[in-house]
Structures are given as structure tokens and as C-alpha cells.
Amino acid sequence: MWCERYSECNIVFAGDFNADRSKSDAISTIINNYIADHSLRRSDVLLEKDSLITYHSIALNQRSRIDYVLTPCSNMVTDFDVLDLYTQIVLITAQLK
């Protein structure tokens, strides 16, 4: 696992994956498989914030979670939040241990 092999490194993957992982489609399956294959953990799930919405379109009447903070170490991210959902740019802040 990356945590043990590179214990001196802090690795965090964060960004717009442009896919709702809760849906069953080809892109979500690829992303889910990559996350599982590399033993990555979703910070929203670890911190019990998996109900956070990171995409909201009033015009399309759609809401979903397409932005993620991933890490191989379950205790690396101590908090994160969506700062501004109603602009075209979603701002996510994360605190690292």
C-alpha cells in the first residue's frame, strides 16, 4: 500500500472527477475500479460528509457529487468542506494532518 511504501510522502488526489460515483455508468465504473485497485479512500465517506453536494445546476435542476478528495491514508485529511456551491467554480477546502 502507498502509505507504508511512501510513508514520508503526503499524497492527496482532489478535484472534479466529473462523474457521480453513485451512478452505474461506464465512467463511474472506471473511477470506482481505479479507487479500489489503488486502495484509495474517499474523505467524504471517512469524515461522514458523503451527503455534501458539489455540483448544483438551478437551470438543469440537477444536484450531485462529482468532486472528491482521495487519499491512500485514512487519517491524512482531517476535514473538508464545499465553500461555494452556487458559482461555476466549486471551492473545496481540505485540512491535512
PDB file of N, CA and C in Angstrom:
ATOM      1  N   MET A   1       0.844  -1.181   0.000  1.00  0.00           N
ATOM      2  CA  MET A   1       0.000   0.000   0.000  1.00  0.00           C
ATOM      3  C   MET A   1       0.890   1.246   0.000  1.00  0.00           C
ATOM      4  N   TRP A   2       0.409   2.297  -0.588  1.00  0.00           N
ATOM      5  CA  TRP A   2       1.182   3.525  -0.717  1.00  0.00           C
ATOM      6  C   TRP A   2       1.576   4.111   0.623  1.00  0.00           C
ATOM      7  N   CYS A   3       0.697   4.037   1.607  1.00  0.00           N
ATOM      8  CA  CYS A   3       1.014   4.634   2.912  1.00  0.00           C
ATOM      9  C   CYS A   3       2.275   4.045   3.501  1.00  0.00           C
ATOM     10  N   GLU A   4       2.407   2.732   3.441  1.00  0.00           N
ATOM     11  CA  GLU A   4       3.584   2.089   4.002  1.00  0.00           C
ATOM     12  C   GLU A   4       4.811   2.290   3.118  1.00  0.00           C
ATOM     13  N   ARG A   5       4.630   2.173   1.821  1.00  0.00           N
ATOM     14  CA  ARG A   5       5.761   2.267   0.898  1.00  0.00           C
ATOM     15  C   ARG A   5       6.346   3.679   0.839  1.00  0.00           C
ATOM     16  N   TYR A   6       5.483   4.675   0.883  1.00  0.00           N
ATOM     17  CA  TYR A   6       5.925   6.074   0.800  1.00  0.00           C
ATOM     18  C   TYR A   6       5.465   6.829   2.047  1.00  0.00           C
ATOM     19  N   SER A   7       5.798   6.317   3.197  1.00  0.00           N
ATOM     20  CA  SER A   7       5.303   6.899   4.447  1.00  0.00           C
ATOM     21  C   SER A   7       5.765   8.346   4.658  1.00  0.00           C
ATOM     22  N   GLU A   8       6.844   8.739   4.018  1.00  0.00           N
ATOM     23  CA  GLU A   8       7.318  10.120   4.166  1.00  0.00           C
ATOM     24  C   GLU A   8       6.575  11.097   3.250  1.00  0.00           C
ATOM     25  N   CYS A   9       5.753  10.590   2.354  1.00  0.00           N
ATOM     26  CA  CYS A   9       5.037  11.435   1.389  1.00  0.00           C
ATOM     27  C   CYS A   9       3.575  11.616   1.783  1.00  0.00           C
ATOM     28  N   ASN A  10       3.069  12.792   1.509  1.00  0.00           N
ATOM     29  CA  ASN A  10       1.650  13.068   1.687  1.00  0.00           C
ATOM     30  C   ASN A  10       1.017  13.141   0.310  1.00  0.00           C
ATOM     31  N   ILE A  11       0.204  12.150  -0.015  1.00  0.00           N
ATOM     32  CA  ILE A  11      -0.420  12.092  -1.331  1.00  0.00           C
ATOM     33  C   ILE A  11      -1.915  12.304  -1.178  1.00  0.00           C
ATOM     34  N   VAL A  12      -2.432  13.327  -1.879  1.00  0.00           N
ATOM     35  CA  VAL A  12      -3.859  13.609  -1.863  1.00  0.00           C
ATOM     36  C   VAL A  12      -4.286  13.857  -3.300  1.00  0.00           C
ATOM     37  N   PHE A  13      -5.328  13.167  -3.728  1.00  0.00           N
ATOM     38  CA  PHE A  13      -5.927  13.402  -5.030  1.00  0.00           C
ATOM     39  C   PHE A  13      -7.213  14.174  -4.781  1.00  0.00           C
ATOM     40  N   ALA A  14      -7.358  15.329  -5.397  1.00  0.00           N
ATOM     41  CA  ALA A  14      -8.564  16.124  -5.198  1.00  0.00           C
ATOM     42  C   ALA A  14      -8.957  16.780  -6.504  1.00  0.00           C
ATOM     43  N   GLY A  15     -10.236  16.823  -6.748  1.00  0.00           N
ATOM     44  CA  GLY A  15     -10.687  17.540  -7.931  1.00  0.00           C
ATOM     45  C   GLY A  15     -12.020  17.073  -8.457  1.00  0.00           C
ATOM     46  N   ASP A  16     -12.328  17.600  -9.608  1.00  0.00           N
ATOM     47  CA  ASP A  16     -13.581  17.326 -10.300  1.00  0.00           C
ATOM     48  C   ASP A  16     -13.396  16.079 -11.147  1.00  0.00           C
ATOM     49  N   PHE A  17     -13.966  14.979 -10.714  1.00  0.00           N
ATOM     50  CA  PHE A  17     -13.883  13.742 -11.468  1.00  0.00           C
ATOM     51  C   PHE A  17     -14.978  13.678 -12.529  1.00  0.00           C
ATOM     52  N   ASN A  18     -15.885  14.662 -12.495  1.00  0.00           N
ATOM     53  CA  ASN A  18     -16.947  14.808 -13.479  1.00  0.00           C
ATOM     54  C   ASN A  18     -17.777  13.537 -13.641  1.00  0.00           C
ATOM     55  N   ALA A  19     -17.951  12.828 -12.542  1.00  0.00           N
ATOM     56  CA  ALA A  19     -18.764  11.615 -12.545  1.00  0.00           C
ATOM     57  C   ALA A  19     -19.358  11.423 -11.159  1.00  0.00           C
ATOM     58  N   ASP A  20     -20.599  11.070 -11.119  1.00  0.00           N
ATOM     59  CA  ASP A  20     -21.264  10.759  -9.863  1.00  0.00           C
ATOM     60  C   ASP A  20     -21.032   9.285  -9.580  1.00  0.00           C
ATOM     61  N   ARG A  21     -20.209   8.986  -8.591  1.00  0.00           N
ATOM     62  CA  ARG A  21     -19.817   7.602  -8.312  1.00  0.00           C
ATOM     63  C   ARG A  21     -20.973   6.735  -7.865  1.00  0.00           C
ATOM     64  N   SER A  22     -22.092   7.343  -7.482  1.00  0.00           N
ATOM     65  CA  SER A  22     -23.240   6.552  -7.051  1.00  0.00           C
ATOM     66  C   SER A  22     -24.046   6.018  -8.233  1.00  0.00           C
ATOM     67  N   LYS A  23     -23.777   6.540  -9.429  1.00  0.00           N
ATOM     68  CA  LYS A  23     -24.481   6.070 -10.627  1.00  0.00           C
ATOM     69  C   LYS A  23     -23.761   4.864 -11.215  1.00  0.00           C
ATOM     70  N   SER A  24     -24.507   4.075 -11.931  1.00  0.00           N
ATOM     71  CA  SER A  24     -23.935   2.882 -12.549  1.00  0.00           C
ATOM     72  C   SER A  24     -23.768   3.128 -14.043  1.00  0.00           C
ATOM     73  N   ASP A  25     -22.664   3.785 -14.409  1.00  0.00           N
ATOM     74  CA  ASP A  25     -22.362   4.010 -15.817  1.00  0.00           C
ATOM     75  C   ASP A  25     -20.889   3.701 -16.060  1.00  0.00           C
ATOM     76  N   ALA A  26     -20.477   3.735 -17.307  1.00  0.00           N
ATOM     77  CA  ALA A  26     -19.120   3.315 -17.670  1.00  0.00           C
ATOM     78  C   ALA A  26     -18.039   4.162 -16.984  1.00  0.00           C
ATOM     79  N   ILE A  27     -18.215   5.473 -16.955  1.00  0.00           N
ATOM     80  CA  ILE A  27     -17.204   6.354 -16.366  1.00  0.00           C
ATOM     81  C   ILE A  27     -17.107   6.134 -14.856  1.00  0.00           C
ATOM     82  N   SER A  28     -18.244   6.075 -14.190  1.00  0.00           N
ATOM     83  CA  SER A  28     -18.231   5.833 -12.742  1.00  0.00           C
ATOM     84  C   SER A  28     -17.592   4.495 -12.413  1.00  0.00           C
ATOM     85  N   THR A  29     -17.841   3.486 -13.228  1.00  0.00           N
ATOM     86  CA  THR A  29     -17.238   2.165 -13.013  1.00  0.00           C
ATOM     87  C   THR A  29     -15.722   2.227 -13.135  1.00  0.00           C
ATOM     88  N   ILE A  30     -15.209   2.946 -14.134  1.00  0.00           N
ATOM     89  CA  ILE A  30     -13.763   3.094 -14.310  1.00  0.00           C
ATOM     90  C   ILE A  30     -13.153   3.792 -13.091  1.00  0.00           C
ATOM     91  N   ILE A  31     -13.773   4.874 -12.653  1.00  0.00           N
ATOM     92  CA  ILE A  31     -13.268   5.620 -11.493  1.00  0.00           C
ATOM     93  C   ILE A  31     -13.331   4.760 -10.234  1.00  0.00           C
ATOM     94  N   ASN A  32     -14.448   4.081 -10.016  1.00  0.00           N
ATOM     95  CA  ASN A  32     -14.598   3.225  -8.839  1.00  0.00           C
ATOM     96  C   ASN A  32     -13.551   2.106  -8.830  1.00  0.00           C
ATOM     97  N   ASN A  33     -13.302   1.520  -9.981  1.00  0.00           N
ATOM     98  CA  ASN A  33     -12.296   0.457 -10.074  1.00  0.00           C
ATOM     99  C   ASN A  33     -10.896   0.994  -9.782  1.00  0.00           C
ATOM    100  N   TYR A  34     -10.571   2.174 -10.304  1.00  0.00           N
ATOM    101  CA  TYR A  34      -9.262   2.780 -10.048  1.00  0.00           C
ATOM    102  C   TYR A  34      -9.081   3.031  -8.552  1.00  0.00           C
ATOM    103  N   ILE A  35     -10.099   3.586  -7.929  1.00  0.00           N
ATOM    104  CA  ILE A  35     -10.038   3.872  -6.496  1.00  0.00           C
ATOM    105  C   ILE A  35      -9.849   2.584  -5.706  1.00  0.00           C
ATOM    106  N   ALA A  36     -10.590   1.545  -6.047  1.00  0.00           N
ATOM    107  CA  ALA A  36     -10.472   0.260  -5.352  1.00  0.00           C
ATOM    108  C   ALA A  36      -9.118  -0.392  -5.617  1.00  0.00           C
ATOM    109  N   ASP A  37      -8.669  -0.380  -6.871  1.00  0.00           N
ATOM    110  CA  ASP A  37      -7.397  -1.010  -7.231  1.00  0.00           C
ATOM    111  C   ASP A  37      -6.205  -0.376  -6.530  1.00  0.00           C
ATOM    112  N   HIS A  38      -6.300   0.914  -6.213  1.00  0.00           N
ATOM    113  CA  HIS A  38      -5.187   1.633  -5.593  1.00  0.00           C
ATOM    114  C   HIS A  38      -5.426   1.910  -4.112  1.00  0.00           C
ATOM    115  N   SER A  39      -6.405   1.241  -3.545  1.00  0.00           N
ATOM    116  CA  SER A  39      -6.703   1.354  -2.105  1.00  0.00           C
ATOM    117  C   SER A  39      -6.867   2.805  -1.648  1.00  0.00           C
ATOM    118  N   LEU A  40      -7.529   3.606  -2.476  1.00  0.00           N
ATOM    119  CA  LEU A  40      -7.777   4.993  -2.111  1.00  0.00           C
ATOM    120  C   LEU A  40      -9.042   5.073  -1.258  1.00  0.00           C
ATOM    121  N   ARG A  41      -9.100   6.097  -0.435  1.00  0.00           N
ATOM    122  CA  ARG A  41     -10.252   6.301   0.429  1.00  0.00           C
ATOM    123  C   ARG A  41     -10.835   7.677   0.151  1.00  0.00           C
ATOM    124  N   ARG A  42     -12.159   7.724   0.130  1.00  0.00           N
ATOM    125  CA  ARG A  42     -12.862   8.991  -0.069  1.00  0.00           C
ATOM    126  C   ARG A  42     -12.984   9.720   1.250  1.00  0.00           C
ATOM    127  N   SER A  43     -12.516  10.945   1.277  1.00  0.00           N
ATOM    128  CA  SER A  43     -12.575  11.725   2.511  1.00  0.00           C
ATOM    129  C   SER A  43     -14.008  12.042   2.916  1.00  0.00           C
ATOM    130  N   ASP A  44     -14.908  12.200   1.952  1.00  0.00           N
ATOM    131  CA  ASP A  44     -16.296  12.481   2.314  1.00  0.00           C
ATOM    132  C   ASP A  44     -16.909  11.322   3.093  1.00  0.00           C
ATOM    133  N   VAL A  45     -16.545  10.101   2.751  1.00  0.00           N
ATOM    134  CA  VAL A  45     -17.058   8.933   3.465  1.00  0.00           C
ATOM    135  C   VAL A  45     -16.360   8.791   4.821  1.00  0.00           C
ATOM    136  N   LEU A  46     -15.030   8.935   4.834  1.00  0.00           N
ATOM    137  CA  LEU A  46     -14.276   8.807   6.086  1.00  0.00           C
ATOM    138  C   LEU A  46     -14.719   9.816   7.139  1.00  0.00           C
ATOM    139  N   LEU A  47     -15.043  11.021   6.684  1.00  0.00           N
ATOM    140  CA  LEU A  47     -15.426  12.091   7.609  1.00  0.00           C
ATOM    141  C   LEU A  47     -16.934  12.223   7.756  1.00  0.00           C
ATOM    142  N   GLU A  48     -17.664  11.232   7.232  1.00  0.00           N
ATOM    143  CA  GLU A  48     -19.127  11.201   7.289  1.00  0.00           C
ATOM    144  C   GLU A  48     -19.754  12.470   6.709  1.00  0.00           C
ATOM    145  N   LYS A  49     -19.201  12.905   5.566  1.00  0.00           N
ATOM    146  CA  LYS A  49     -19.736  14.062   4.852  1.00  0.00           C
ATOM    147  C   LYS A  49     -20.175  13.649   3.455  1.00  0.00           C
ATOM    148  N   ASP A  50     -20.579  12.389   3.301  1.00  0.00           N
ATOM    149  CA  ASP A  50     -20.918  11.887   1.980  1.00  0.00           C
ATOM    150  C   ASP A  50     -22.252  12.412   1.457  1.00  0.00           C
ATOM    151  N   SER A  51     -22.927  13.267   2.217  1.00  0.00           N
ATOM    152  CA  SER A  51     -24.140  13.897   1.712  1.00  0.00           C
ATOM    153  C   SER A  51     -23.861  15.275   1.111  1.00  0.00           C
ATOM    154  N   LEU A  52     -22.591  15.719   1.145  1.00  0.00           N
ATOM    155  CA  LEU A  52     -22.241  17.015   0.560  1.00  0.00           C
ATOM    156  C   LEU A  52     -22.470  16.999  -0.950  1.00  0.00           C
ATOM    157  N   ILE A  53     -23.103  18.028  -1.438  1.00  0.00           N
ATOM    158  CA  ILE A  53     -23.332  18.198  -2.873  1.00  0.00           C
ATOM    159  C   ILE A  53     -22.224  19.099  -3.408  1.00  0.00           C
ATOM    160  N   THR A  54     -21.590  18.693  -4.511  1.00  0.00           N
ATOM    161  CA  THR A  54     -20.514  19.508  -5.082  1.00  0.00           C
ATOM    162  C   THR A  54     -20.867  20.058  -6.459  1.00  0.00           C
ATOM    163  N   TYR A  55     -22.037  19.697  -6.966  1.00  0.00           N
ATOM    164  CA  TYR A  55     -22.494  20.241  -8.247  1.00  0.00           C
ATOM    165  C   TYR A  55     -23.973  20.553  -8.106  1.00  0.00           C
ATOM    166  N   HIS A  56     -24.350  21.780  -8.472  1.00  0.00           N
ATOM    167  CA  HIS A  56     -25.756  22.167  -8.428  1.00  0.00           C
ATOM    168  C   HIS A  56     -26.055  23.085  -9.596  1.00  0.00           C
ATOM    169  N   SER A  57     -26.995  22.665 -10.431  1.00  0.00           N
ATOM    170  CA  SER A  57     -27.424  23.493 -11.558  1.00  0.00           C
ATOM    171  C   SER A  57     -28.894  23.828 -11.370  1.00  0.00           C
ATOM    172  N   ILE A  58     -29.145  25.092 -11.114  1.00  0.00           N
ATOM    173  CA  ILE A  58     -30.530  25.536 -10.969  1.00  0.00           C
ATOM    174  C   ILE A  58     -31.248  25.407 -12.307  1.00  0.00           C
ATOM    175  N   ALA A  59     -30.573  25.782 -13.395  1.00  0.00           N
ATOM    176  CA  ALA A  59     -31.184  25.737 -14.730  1.00  0.00           C
ATOM    177  C   ALA A  59     -31.578  24.313 -15.130  1.00  0.00           C
ATOM    178  N   LEU A  60     -30.719  23.345 -14.804  1.00  0.00           N
ATOM    179  CA  LEU A  60     -30.994  21.947 -15.164  1.00  0.00           C
ATOM    180  C   LEU A  60     -31.701  21.181 -14.053  1.00  0.00           C
ATOM    181  N   ASN A  61     -31.867  21.827 -12.901  1.00  0.00           N
ATOM    182  CA  ASN A  61     -32.489  21.191 -11.738  1.00  0.00           C
ATOM    183  C   ASN A  61     -31.762  19.887 -11.386  1.00  0.00           C
ATOM    184  N   GLN A  62     -30.430  19.963 -11.331  1.00  0.00           N
ATOM    185  CA  GLN A  62     -29.621  18.787 -11.030  1.00  0.00           C
ATOM    186  C   GLN A  62     -28.665  19.080  -9.887  1.00  0.00           C
ATOM    187  N   ARG A  63     -28.473  18.070  -9.053  1.00  0.00           N
ATOM    188  CA  ARG A  63     -27.515  18.138  -7.950  1.00  0.00           C
ATOM    189  C   ARG A  63     -26.810  16.800  -7.883  1.00  0.00           C
ATOM    190  N   SER A  64     -25.503  16.842  -7.634  1.00  0.00           N
ATOM    191  CA  SER A  64     -24.764  15.590  -7.496  1.00  0.00           C
ATOM    192  C   SER A  64     -23.436  15.845  -6.794  1.00  0.00           C
ATOM    193  N   ARG A  65     -22.690  14.791  -6.636  1.00  0.00           N
ATOM    194  CA  ARG A  65     -21.377  14.853  -6.004  1.00  0.00           C
ATOM    195  C   ARG A  65     -20.367  14.356  -7.033  1.00  0.00           C
ATOM    196  N   ILE A  66     -19.634  15.300  -7.654  1.00  0.00           N
ATOM    197  CA  ILE A  66     -18.675  14.928  -8.703  1.00  0.00           C
ATOM    198  C   ILE A  66     -17.249  15.314  -8.351  1.00  0.00           C
ATOM    199  N   ASP A  67     -17.080  16.011  -7.227  1.00  0.00           N
ATOM    200  CA  ASP A  67     -15.755  16.427  -6.769  1.00  0.00           C
ATOM    201  C   ASP A  67     -15.386  15.589  -5.556  1.00  0.00           C
ATOM    202  N   TYR A  68     -14.153  15.089  -5.546  1.00  0.00           N
ATOM    203  CA  TYR A  68     -13.743  14.186  -4.482  1.00  0.00           C
ATOM    204  C   TYR A  68     -12.361  14.534  -3.963  1.00  0.00           C
ATOM    205  N   VAL A  69     -12.113  14.197  -2.706  1.00  0.00           N
ATOM    206  CA  VAL A  69     -10.793  14.273  -2.095  1.00  0.00           C
ATOM    207  C   VAL A  69     -10.448  12.841  -1.720  1.00  0.00           C
ATOM    208  N   LEU A  70      -9.394  12.301  -2.359  1.00  0.00           N
ATOM    209  CA  LEU A  70      -8.999  10.907  -2.162  1.00  0.00           C
ATOM    210  C   LEU A  70      -7.598  10.824  -1.583  1.00  0.00           C
ATOM    211  N   THR A  71      -7.379   9.844  -0.752  1.00  0.00           N
ATOM    212  CA  THR A  71      -6.064   9.626  -0.165  1.00  0.00           C
ATOM    213  C   THR A  71      -5.895   8.143   0.156  1.00  0.00           C
ATOM    214  N   PRO A  72      -4.690   7.630   0.092  1.00  0.00           N
ATOM    215  CA  PRO A  72      -4.476   6.238   0.475  1.00  0.00           C
ATOM    216  C   PRO A  72      -4.437   6.053   1.994  1.00  0.00           C
ATOM    217  N   CYS A  73      -4.297   7.125   2.735  1.00  0.00           N
ATOM    218  CA  CYS A  73      -4.179   7.045   4.191  1.00  0.00           C
ATOM    219  C   CYS A  73      -5.458   7.581   4.835  1.00  0.00           C
ATOM    220  N   SER A  74      -6.090   6.767   5.639  1.00  0.00           N
ATOM    221  CA  SER A  74      -7.406   7.120   6.177  1.00  0.00           C
ATOM    222  C   SER A  74      -7.380   8.291   7.151  1.00  0.00           C
ATOM    223  N   ASN A  75      -6.234   8.621   7.711  1.00  0.00           N
ATOM    224  CA  ASN A  75      -6.190   9.707   8.700  1.00  0.00           C
ATOM    225  C   ASN A  75      -5.487  10.963   8.192  1.00  0.00           C
ATOM    226  N   MET A  76      -5.210  11.054   6.901  1.00  0.00           N
ATOM    227  CA  MET A  76      -4.459  12.202   6.382  1.00  0.00           C
ATOM    228  C   MET A  76      -5.316  13.459   6.295  1.00  0.00           C
ATOM    229  N   VAL A  77      -6.523  13.362   5.795  1.00  0.00           N
ATOM    230  CA  VAL A  77      -7.418  14.513   5.679  1.00  0.00           C
ATOM    231  C   VAL A  77      -8.277  14.553   6.937  1.00  0.00           C
ATOM    232  N   THR A  78      -8.185  15.656   7.667  1.00  0.00           N
ATOM    233  CA  THR A  78      -8.926  15.758   8.921  1.00  0.00           C
ATOM    234  C   THR A  78     -10.255  16.492   8.768  1.00  0.00           C
ATOM    235  N   ASP A  79     -10.414  17.235   7.678  1.00  0.00           N
ATOM    236  CA  ASP A  79     -11.685  17.922   7.436  1.00  0.00           C
ATOM    237  C   ASP A  79     -11.696  18.459   6.021  1.00  0.00           C
ATOM    238  N   PHE A  80     -12.867  18.597   5.460  1.00  0.00           N
ATOM    239  CA  PHE A  80     -13.018  19.311   4.203  1.00  0.00           C
ATOM    240  C   PHE A  80     -14.455  19.758   4.064  1.00  0.00           C
ATOM    241  N   ASP A  81     -14.658  20.766   3.224  1.00  0.00           N
ATOM    242  CA  ASP A  81     -15.998  21.303   3.054  1.00  0.00           C
ATOM    243  C   ASP A  81     -16.110  21.969   1.695  1.00  0.00           C
ATOM    244  N   VAL A  82     -17.322  22.111   1.214  1.00  0.00           N
ATOM    245  CA  VAL A  82     -17.606  22.846  -0.017  1.00  0.00           C
ATOM    246  C   VAL A  82     -17.868  24.288   0.394  1.00  0.00           C
ATOM    247  N   LEU A  83     -17.060  25.201  -0.132  1.00  0.00           N
ATOM    248  CA  LEU A  83     -17.164  26.599   0.278  1.00  0.00           C
ATOM    249  C   LEU A  83     -18.189  27.386  -0.520  1.00  0.00           C
ATOM    250  N   ASP A  84     -18.314  27.112  -1.806  1.00  0.00           N
ATOM    251  CA  ASP A  84     -19.235  27.884  -2.633  1.00  0.00           C
ATOM    252  C   ASP A  84     -19.792  26.985  -3.713  1.00  0.00           C
ATOM    253  N   LEU A  85     -21.038  26.590  -3.568  1.00  0.00           N
ATOM    254  CA  LEU A  85     -21.660  25.650  -4.498  1.00  0.00           C
ATOM    255  C   LEU A  85     -22.372  26.355  -5.644  1.00  0.00           C
ATOM    256  N   TYR A  86     -22.740  27.603  -5.470  1.00  0.00           N
ATOM    257  CA  TYR A  86     -23.636  28.256  -6.416  1.00  0.00           C
ATOM    258  C   TYR A  86     -22.928  29.110  -7.460  1.00  0.00           C
ATOM    259  N   THR A  87     -21.652  28.883  -7.655  1.00  0.00           N
ATOM    260  CA  THR A  87     -20.926  29.540  -8.736  1.00  0.00           C
ATOM    261  C   THR A  87     -20.487  28.468  -9.720  1.00  0.00           C
ATOM    262  N   GLN A  88     -19.896  28.855 -10.798  1.00  0.00           N
ATOM    263  CA  GLN A  88     -19.391  27.890 -11.761  1.00  0.00           C
ATOM    264  C   GLN A  88     -18.109  27.217 -11.264  1.00  0.00           C
ATOM    265  N   ILE A  89     -17.514  27.754 -10.212  1.00  0.00           N
ATOM    266  CA  ILE A  89     -16.294  27.191  -9.657  1.00  0.00           C
ATOM    267  C   ILE A  89     -16.601  26.700  -8.240  1.00  0.00           C
ATOM    268  N   VAL A  90     -16.481  25.409  -8.050  1.00  0.00           N
ATOM    269  CA  VAL A  90     -16.691  24.845  -6.728  1.00  0.00           C
ATOM    270  C   VAL A  90     -15.377  24.910  -5.962  1.00  0.00           C
ATOM    271  N   LEU A  91     -15.423  25.485  -4.796  1.00  0.00           N
ATOM    272  CA  LEU A  91     -14.227  25.609  -3.967  1.00  0.00           C
ATOM    273  C   LEU A  91     -14.315  24.599  -2.832  1.00  0.00           C
ATOM    274  N   ILE A  92     -13.330  23.726  -2.775  1.00  0.00           N
ATOM    275  CA  ILE A  92     -13.276  22.741  -1.709  1.00  0.00           C
ATOM    276  C   ILE A  92     -12.014  22.998  -0.904  1.00  0.00           C
ATOM    277  N   THR A  93     -12.176  23.039   0.394  1.00  0.00           N
ATOM    278  CA  THR A  93     -11.038  23.204   1.277  1.00  0.00           C
ATOM    279  C   THR A  93     -10.813  21.908   2.034  1.00  0.00           C
ATOM    280  N   ALA A  94      -9.559  21.552   2.237  1.00  0.00           N
ATOM    281  CA  ALA A  94      -9.229  20.340   2.974  1.00  0.00           C
ATOM    282  C   ALA A  94      -8.132  20.653   3.986  1.00  0.00           C
ATOM    283  N   GLN A  95      -8.274  20.086   5.175  1.00  0.00           N
ATOM    284  CA  GLN A  95      -7.232  20.203   6.185  1.00  0.00           C
ATOM    285  C   GLN A  95      -6.479  18.892   6.238  1.00  0.00           C
ATOM    286  N   LEU A  96      -5.160  18.994   6.188  1.00  0.00           N
ATOM    287  CA  LEU A  96      -4.314  17.816   6.239  1.00  0.00           C
ATOM    288  C   LEU A  96      -3.671  17.684   7.607  1.00  0.00           C
ATOM    289  N   LYS A  97      -3.457  16.467   7.996  1.00  0.00           N
ATOM    290  CA  LYS A  97      -2.820  16.186   9.280  1.00  0.00           C
ATOM    291  C   LYS A  97      -1.343  16.489   9.209  1.00  0.00           C
TER     292      LYS A  97
END
